[in-house]
Amino acid sequence: MAARLMRLRAVIAVVVAAVLLGGCSDEPKKAAPNPIPTADTAHNDTDVMFLQMMVGHHRQGLQLTTLAAQRAVRPEVKELAAAIRVTESEEVRMMTAWLAAWSRPDVPPDTHDGHVNHGGQPAVGPEQVAGLAGMSGTAFDTEFLALMAGHQGAAVEMVGLVTSGGQNPQTRELAERIGKARQGQVAMMIRLMNA
């Protein structure tokens, strides 16, 4: 009973974080999207590179969470994936809008899929995503949590790129929020794997 209560509290914390990071709206998610906060025009190449890499990273996270919505069996896994999806969808909208305002593409110019190796951090490979898509039941849940924990851990490492070298204050603030939120998500996924 105590373990179940702890899991419920953790899921609620992630959902609250998703709402806060998604724009603090009480409207249903099918309503008009939240307004996108603007970013200062001052920026450097580090800000741009971070946003481009994070957009690609988030898009892969959205692939993984879409699979979880379809195949996960544990309610806690489905709820966590849904909360991540809401947050990361909103963050992608914001980051792509900032890049567009700076007249920069949302993918780095040297890649077609926008999911570079995170400045040296390996991405979850397409073969791993394909393997996950072929799973079901508790095996899916276990593999999803393992892949997503590694995926979100890479996001935490990417944050250091802009917090140490970025110029744009909104990008730096976003990076700090992403780092804290993803650390919490990784900790929750580890708890779910061990439950």
C-alpha atoms as a PDB file:
ATOM      1  CA  MET A   1       0.000   0.000   0.000  1.00  0.00           C
ATOM      2  CA  ALA A   2       2.805   2.435   0.902  1.00  0.00           C
ATOM      3  CA  ALA A   3       4.664   1.667  -2.336  1.00  0.00           C
ATOM      4  CA  ARG A   4       1.521   2.258  -4.378  1.00  0.00           C
ATOM      5  CA  LEU A   5       0.917   5.582  -2.589  1.00  0.00           C
ATOM      6  CA  MET A   6       4.514   6.644  -3.312  1.00  0.00           C
ATOM      7  CA  ARG A   7       4.085   5.802  -7.009  1.00  0.00           C
ATOM      8  CA  LEU A   8       0.819   7.750  -7.158  1.00  0.00           C
ATOM      9  CA  ARG A   9       2.493  10.771  -5.552  1.00  0.00           C
ATOM     10  CA  ALA A  10       5.363  10.546  -8.020  1.00  0.00           C
ATOM     11  CA  VAL A  11       2.997  10.402 -11.005  1.00  0.00           C
ATOM     12  CA  ILE A  12       1.071  13.386  -9.663  1.00  0.00           C
ATOM     13  CA  ALA A  13       4.344  15.316  -9.273  1.00  0.00           C
ATOM     14  CA  VAL A  14       5.266  14.624 -12.907  1.00  0.00           C
ATOM     15  CA  VAL A  15       1.821  15.664 -14.128  1.00  0.00           C
ATOM     16  CA  VAL A  16       2.056  18.897 -12.122  1.00  0.00           C
ATOM     17  CA  ALA A  17       5.521  19.515 -13.586  1.00  0.00           C
ATOM     18  CA  ALA A  18       4.157  18.868 -17.073  1.00  0.00           C
ATOM     19  CA  VAL A  19       1.413  21.437 -16.558  1.00  0.00           C
ATOM     20  CA  LEU A  20       3.883  23.982 -15.192  1.00  0.00           C
ATOM     21  CA  LEU A  21       6.331  23.429 -18.032  1.00  0.00           C
ATOM     22  CA  GLY A  22       3.527  23.317 -20.566  1.00  0.00           C
ATOM     23  CA  GLY A  23       2.259  26.777 -19.821  1.00  0.00           C
ATOM     24  CA  CYS A  24       0.059  26.526 -16.695  1.00  0.00           C
ATOM     25  CA  SER A  25      -3.237  26.193 -18.498  1.00  0.00           C
ATOM     26  CA  ASP A  26      -6.433  24.875 -16.953  1.00  0.00           C
ATOM     27  CA  GLU A  27      -7.899  24.380 -20.435  1.00  0.00           C
ATOM     28  CA  PRO A  28      -8.272  20.863 -21.822  1.00  0.00           C
ATOM     29  CA  LYS A  29      -5.417  19.840 -24.084  1.00  0.00           C
ATOM     30  CA  LYS A  30      -7.752  19.887 -27.115  1.00  0.00           C
ATOM     31  CA  ALA A  31      -8.302  23.619 -26.628  1.00  0.00           C
ATOM     32  CA  ALA A  32      -6.248  26.239 -28.445  1.00  0.00           C
ATOM     33  CA  PRO A  33      -2.517  25.876 -27.756  1.00  0.00           C
ATOM     34  CA  ASN A  34      -0.998  28.000 -25.030  1.00  0.00           C
ATOM     35  CA  PRO A  35       0.691  31.201 -26.191  1.00  0.00           C
ATOM     36  CA  ILE A  36       4.403  30.716 -26.785  1.00  0.00           C
ATOM     37  CA  PRO A  37       6.651  32.886 -24.604  1.00  0.00           C
ATOM     38  CA  THR A  38       8.966  35.034 -26.673  1.00  0.00           C
ATOM     39  CA  ALA A  39      12.736  34.884 -26.420  1.00  0.00           C
ATOM     40  CA  ASP A  40      15.094  37.842 -26.533  1.00  0.00           C
ATOM     41  CA  THR A  41      16.703  38.404 -29.900  1.00  0.00           C
ATOM     42  CA  ALA A  42      20.184  38.235 -28.367  1.00  0.00           C
ATOM     43  CA  HIS A  43      21.548  34.731 -28.899  1.00  0.00           C
ATOM     44  CA  ASN A  44      24.688  32.925 -29.990  1.00  0.00           C
ATOM     45  CA  ASP A  45      25.538  29.738 -31.868  1.00  0.00           C
ATOM     46  CA  THR A  46      25.479  27.737 -28.621  1.00  0.00           C
ATOM     47  CA  ASP A  47      21.848  28.741 -27.988  1.00  0.00           C
ATOM     48  CA  VAL A  48      20.923  27.725 -31.538  1.00  0.00           C
ATOM     49  CA  MET A  49      22.800  24.420 -31.393  1.00  0.00           C
ATOM     50  CA  PHE A  50      21.215  23.526 -28.045  1.00  0.00           C
ATOM     51  CA  LEU A  51      17.684  24.235 -29.293  1.00  0.00           C
ATOM     52  CA  GLN A  52      18.245  22.322 -32.536  1.00  0.00           C
ATOM     53  CA  MET A  53      19.638  19.298 -30.699  1.00  0.00           C
ATOM     54  CA  MET A  54      16.890  19.424 -28.075  1.00  0.00           C
ATOM     55  CA  VAL A  55      14.151  19.632 -30.729  1.00  0.00           C
ATOM     56  CA  GLY A  56      15.521  16.449 -32.321  1.00  0.00           C
ATOM     57  CA  HIS A  57      15.857  14.830 -28.909  1.00  0.00           C
ATOM     58  CA  HIS A  58      12.277  15.713 -27.958  1.00  0.00           C
ATOM     59  CA  ARG A  59      10.929  14.422 -31.262  1.00  0.00           C
ATOM     60  CA  GLN A  60      12.442  11.040 -30.539  1.00  0.00           C
ATOM     61  CA  GLY A  61      11.002  11.187 -27.014  1.00  0.00           C
ATOM     62  CA  LEU A  62       7.585  11.821 -28.566  1.00  0.00           C
ATOM     63  CA  GLN A  63       8.056   8.690 -30.703  1.00  0.00           C
ATOM     64  CA  LEU A  64       8.778   6.661 -27.575  1.00  0.00           C
ATOM     65  CA  THR A  65       5.861   8.083 -25.587  1.00  0.00           C
ATOM     66  CA  THR A  66       3.476   7.471 -28.504  1.00  0.00           C
ATOM     67  CA  LEU A  67       4.471   3.814 -28.403  1.00  0.00           C
ATOM     68  CA  ALA A  68       3.852   3.780 -24.646  1.00  0.00           C
ATOM     69  CA  ALA A  69       0.361   5.217 -25.127  1.00  0.00           C
ATOM     70  CA  GLN A  70      -0.401   2.305 -27.454  1.00  0.00           C
ATOM     71  CA  ARG A  71       1.450  -0.587 -25.799  1.00  0.00           C
ATOM     72  CA  ALA A  72       2.200   0.049 -22.111  1.00  0.00           C
ATOM     73  CA  VAL A  73       0.195  -2.062 -19.665  1.00  0.00           C
ATOM     74  CA  ARG A  74       1.021  -0.527 -16.289  1.00  0.00           C
ATOM     75  CA  PRO A  75      -1.106   2.564 -15.559  1.00  0.00           C
ATOM     76  CA  GLU A  76       1.882   4.338 -13.981  1.00  0.00           C
ATOM     77  CA  VAL A  77       3.910   3.888 -17.170  1.00  0.00           C
ATOM     78  CA  LYS A  78       1.061   5.189 -19.339  1.00  0.00           C
ATOM     79  CA  GLU A  79       0.559   8.205 -17.054  1.00  0.00           C
ATOM     80  CA  LEU A  80       4.253   9.044 -16.979  1.00  0.00           C
ATOM     81  CA  ALA A  81       4.513   8.763 -20.775  1.00  0.00           C
ATOM     82  CA  ALA A  82       1.441  10.994 -21.201  1.00  0.00           C
ATOM     83  CA  ALA A  83       2.899  13.653 -18.880  1.00  0.00           C
ATOM     84  CA  ILE A  84       6.228  13.589 -20.751  1.00  0.00           C
ATOM     85  CA  ARG A  85       4.384  13.861 -24.068  1.00  0.00           C
ATOM     86  CA  VAL A  86       2.435  16.959 -22.983  1.00  0.00           C
ATOM     87  CA  THR A  87       5.550  18.694 -21.675  1.00  0.00           C
ATOM     88  CA  GLU A  88       7.796  17.868 -24.607  1.00  0.00           C
ATOM     89  CA  SER A  89       5.169  18.772 -27.224  1.00  0.00           C
ATOM     90  CA  GLU A  90       4.872  22.232 -25.676  1.00  0.00           C
ATOM     91  CA  GLU A  91       8.647  22.593 -25.457  1.00  0.00           C
ATOM     92  CA  VAL A  92       9.065  21.651 -29.134  1.00  0.00           C
ATOM     93  CA  ARG A  93       6.507  24.323 -30.111  1.00  0.00           C
ATOM     94  CA  MET A  94       8.394  26.898 -28.076  1.00  0.00           C
ATOM     95  CA  MET A  95      11.885  25.953 -29.263  1.00  0.00           C
ATOM     96  CA  THR A  96      10.916  25.838 -32.944  1.00  0.00           C
ATOM     97  CA  ALA A  97       9.204  29.233 -32.602  1.00  0.00           C
ATOM     98  CA  TRP A  98      12.347  30.741 -31.066  1.00  0.00           C
ATOM     99  CA  LEU A  99      14.520  29.304 -33.829  1.00  0.00           C
ATOM    100  CA  ALA A 100      12.119  30.620 -36.485  1.00  0.00           C
ATOM    101  CA  ALA A 101      12.185  34.070 -34.875  1.00  0.00           C
ATOM    102  CA  TRP A 102      15.985  33.970 -35.157  1.00  0.00           C
ATOM    103  CA  SER A 103      15.695  32.810 -38.811  1.00  0.00           C
ATOM    104  CA  ARG A 104      17.374  29.522 -37.964  1.00  0.00           C
ATOM    105  CA  PRO A 105      16.190  26.012 -38.958  1.00  0.00           C
ATOM    106  CA  ASP A 106      14.976  23.578 -36.324  1.00  0.00           C
ATOM    107  CA  VAL A 107      17.544  20.975 -37.406  1.00  0.00           C
ATOM    108  CA  PRO A 108      21.300  21.440 -37.649  1.00  0.00           C
ATOM    109  CA  PRO A 109      22.388  22.069 -41.248  1.00  0.00           C
ATOM    110  CA  ASP A 110      24.608  18.963 -41.342  1.00  0.00           C
ATOM    111  CA  THR A 111      21.844  16.432 -40.566  1.00  0.00           C
ATOM    112  CA  HIS A 112      18.542  15.485 -42.179  1.00  0.00           C
ATOM    113  CA  ASP A 113      16.799  13.995 -39.177  1.00  0.00           C
ATOM    114  CA  GLY A 114      17.818  16.630 -36.636  1.00  0.00           C
ATOM    115  CA  HIS A 115      18.875  14.031 -34.069  1.00  0.00           C
ATOM    116  CA  VAL A 116      22.613  14.440 -33.872  1.00  0.00           C
ATOM    117  CA  ASN A 117      24.665  12.721 -31.233  1.00  0.00           C
ATOM    118  CA  HIS A 118      23.960  15.359 -28.593  1.00  0.00           C
ATOM    119  CA  GLY A 119      27.448  16.782 -28.610  1.00  0.00           C
ATOM    120  CA  GLY A 120      28.930  13.354 -28.035  1.00  0.00           C
ATOM    121  CA  GLN A 121      26.039  11.754 -26.152  1.00  0.00           C
ATOM    122  CA  PRO A 122      24.620   8.785 -28.080  1.00  0.00           C
ATOM    123  CA  ALA A 123      20.952   8.865 -29.036  1.00  0.00           C
ATOM    124  CA  VAL A 124      18.586   5.943 -28.744  1.00  0.00           C
ATOM    125  CA  GLY A 125      19.102   4.255 -32.100  1.00  0.00           C
ATOM    126  CA  PRO A 126      16.358   3.589 -34.669  1.00  0.00           C
ATOM    127  CA  GLU A 127      16.881  -0.143 -34.172  1.00  0.00           C
ATOM    128  CA  GLN A 128      16.078   0.249 -30.466  1.00  0.00           C
ATOM    129  CA  VAL A 129      12.899   2.193 -31.266  1.00  0.00           C
ATOM    130  CA  ALA A 130      11.919  -0.486 -33.808  1.00  0.00           C
ATOM    131  CA  GLY A 131      12.633  -3.211 -31.247  1.00  0.00           C
ATOM    132  CA  LEU A 132      10.456  -1.440 -28.689  1.00  0.00           C
ATOM    133  CA  ALA A 133       7.640  -1.152 -31.249  1.00  0.00           C
ATOM    134  CA  GLY A 134       7.660  -4.951 -31.574  1.00  0.00           C
ATOM    135  CA  MET A 135       7.194  -5.558 -27.848  1.00  0.00           C
ATOM    136  CA  SER A 136       4.086  -5.786 -25.713  1.00  0.00           C
ATOM    137  CA  GLY A 137       3.023  -6.427 -22.136  1.00  0.00           C
ATOM    138  CA  THR A 138       5.406  -6.137 -19.214  1.00  0.00           C
ATOM    139  CA  ALA A 139       8.403  -6.616 -21.522  1.00  0.00           C
ATOM    140  CA  PHE A 140       7.384  -3.394 -23.302  1.00  0.00           C
ATOM    141  CA  ASP A 141       7.039  -1.511 -20.018  1.00  0.00           C
ATOM    142  CA  THR A 142      10.478  -2.608 -18.807  1.00  0.00           C
ATOM    143  CA  GLU A 143      12.211  -1.770 -22.088  1.00  0.00           C
ATOM    144  CA  PHE A 144      10.383   1.561 -22.445  1.00  0.00           C
ATOM    145  CA  LEU A 145      11.443   2.641 -18.959  1.00  0.00           C
ATOM    146  CA  ALA A 146      15.059   1.613 -19.609  1.00  0.00           C
ATOM    147  CA  LEU A 147      15.246   3.397 -22.981  1.00  0.00           C
ATOM    148  CA  MET A 148      13.413   6.486 -21.747  1.00  0.00           C
ATOM    149  CA  ALA A 149      15.597   6.761 -18.645  1.00  0.00           C
ATOM    150  CA  GLY A 150      18.706   6.736 -20.846  1.00  0.00           C
ATOM    151  CA  HIS A 151      17.079   9.149 -23.279  1.00  0.00           C
ATOM    152  CA  GLN A 152      16.158  11.639 -20.559  1.00  0.00           C
ATOM    153  CA  GLY A 153      19.577  11.211 -18.945  1.00  0.00           C
ATOM    154  CA  ALA A 154      21.116  12.386 -22.237  1.00  0.00           C
ATOM    155  CA  ALA A 155      18.900  15.497 -22.069  1.00  0.00           C
ATOM    156  CA  VAL A 156      20.287  16.292 -18.616  1.00  0.00           C
ATOM    157  CA  GLU A 157      23.818  16.107 -20.000  1.00  0.00           C
ATOM    158  CA  MET A 158      22.909  18.317 -22.974  1.00  0.00           C
ATOM    159  CA  VAL A 159      21.746  21.077 -20.625  1.00  0.00           C
ATOM    160  CA  GLY A 160      25.322  21.839 -19.606  1.00  0.00           C
ATOM    161  CA  LEU A 161      26.050  22.955 -23.161  1.00  0.00           C
ATOM    162  CA  VAL A 162      23.867  26.058 -22.964  1.00  0.00           C
ATOM    163  CA  THR A 163      24.082  26.810 -19.248  1.00  0.00           C
ATOM    164  CA  SER A 164      27.846  27.258 -19.610  1.00  0.00           C
ATOM    165  CA  GLY A 165      28.029  28.850 -23.066  1.00  0.00           C
ATOM    166  CA  GLY A 166      24.628  30.211 -24.089  1.00  0.00           C
ATOM    167  CA  GLN A 167      23.780  33.889 -24.309  1.00  0.00           C
ATOM    168  CA  ASN A 168      19.986  33.925 -24.501  1.00  0.00           C
ATOM    169  CA  PRO A 169      18.375  34.145 -21.036  1.00  0.00           C
ATOM    170  CA  GLN A 170      15.187  32.286 -22.023  1.00  0.00           C
ATOM    171  CA  THR A 171      17.173  29.419 -23.552  1.00  0.00           C
ATOM    172  CA  ARG A 172      19.297  29.153 -20.410  1.00  0.00           C
ATOM    173  CA  GLU A 173      16.187  29.201 -18.203  1.00  0.00           C
ATOM    174  CA  LEU A 174      14.543  26.515 -20.344  1.00  0.00           C
ATOM    175  CA  ALA A 175      17.685  24.379 -20.142  1.00  0.00           C
ATOM    176  CA  GLU A 176      17.731  24.601 -16.349  1.00  0.00           C
ATOM    177  CA  ARG A 177      14.051  23.587 -16.165  1.00  0.00           C
ATOM    178  CA  ILE A 178      14.630  20.697 -18.564  1.00  0.00           C
ATOM    179  CA  GLY A 179      17.582  19.487 -16.489  1.00  0.00           C
ATOM    180  CA  LYS A 180      15.620  19.477 -13.230  1.00  0.00           C
ATOM    181  CA  ALA A 181      12.484  17.914 -14.748  1.00  0.00           C
ATOM    182  CA  ARG A 182      14.393  15.150 -16.529  1.00  0.00           C
ATOM    183  CA  GLN A 183      16.398  14.278 -13.425  1.00  0.00           C
ATOM    184  CA  GLY A 184      13.094  13.793 -11.610  1.00  0.00           C
ATOM    185  CA  GLN A 185      11.719  11.677 -14.450  1.00  0.00           C
ATOM    186  CA  VAL A 186      14.804   9.452 -14.522  1.00  0.00           C
ATOM    187  CA  ALA A 187      14.533   8.902 -10.768  1.00  0.00           C
ATOM    188  CA  MET A 188      10.867   7.977 -11.160  1.00  0.00           C
ATOM    189  CA  MET A 189      11.586   5.571 -14.022  1.00  0.00           C
ATOM    190  CA  ILE A 190      14.235   3.831 -11.954  1.00  0.00           C
ATOM    191  CA  ARG A 191      11.721   3.451  -9.123  1.00  0.00           C
ATOM    192  CA  LEU A 192       9.144   2.025 -11.537  1.00  0.00           C
ATOM    193  CA  MET A 193      11.692  -0.423 -12.937  1.00  0.00           C
ATOM    194  CA  ASN A 194      12.498  -1.617  -9.423  1.00  0.00           C
ATOM    195  CA  ALA A 195       8.863  -1.860  -8.307  1.00  0.00           C
END
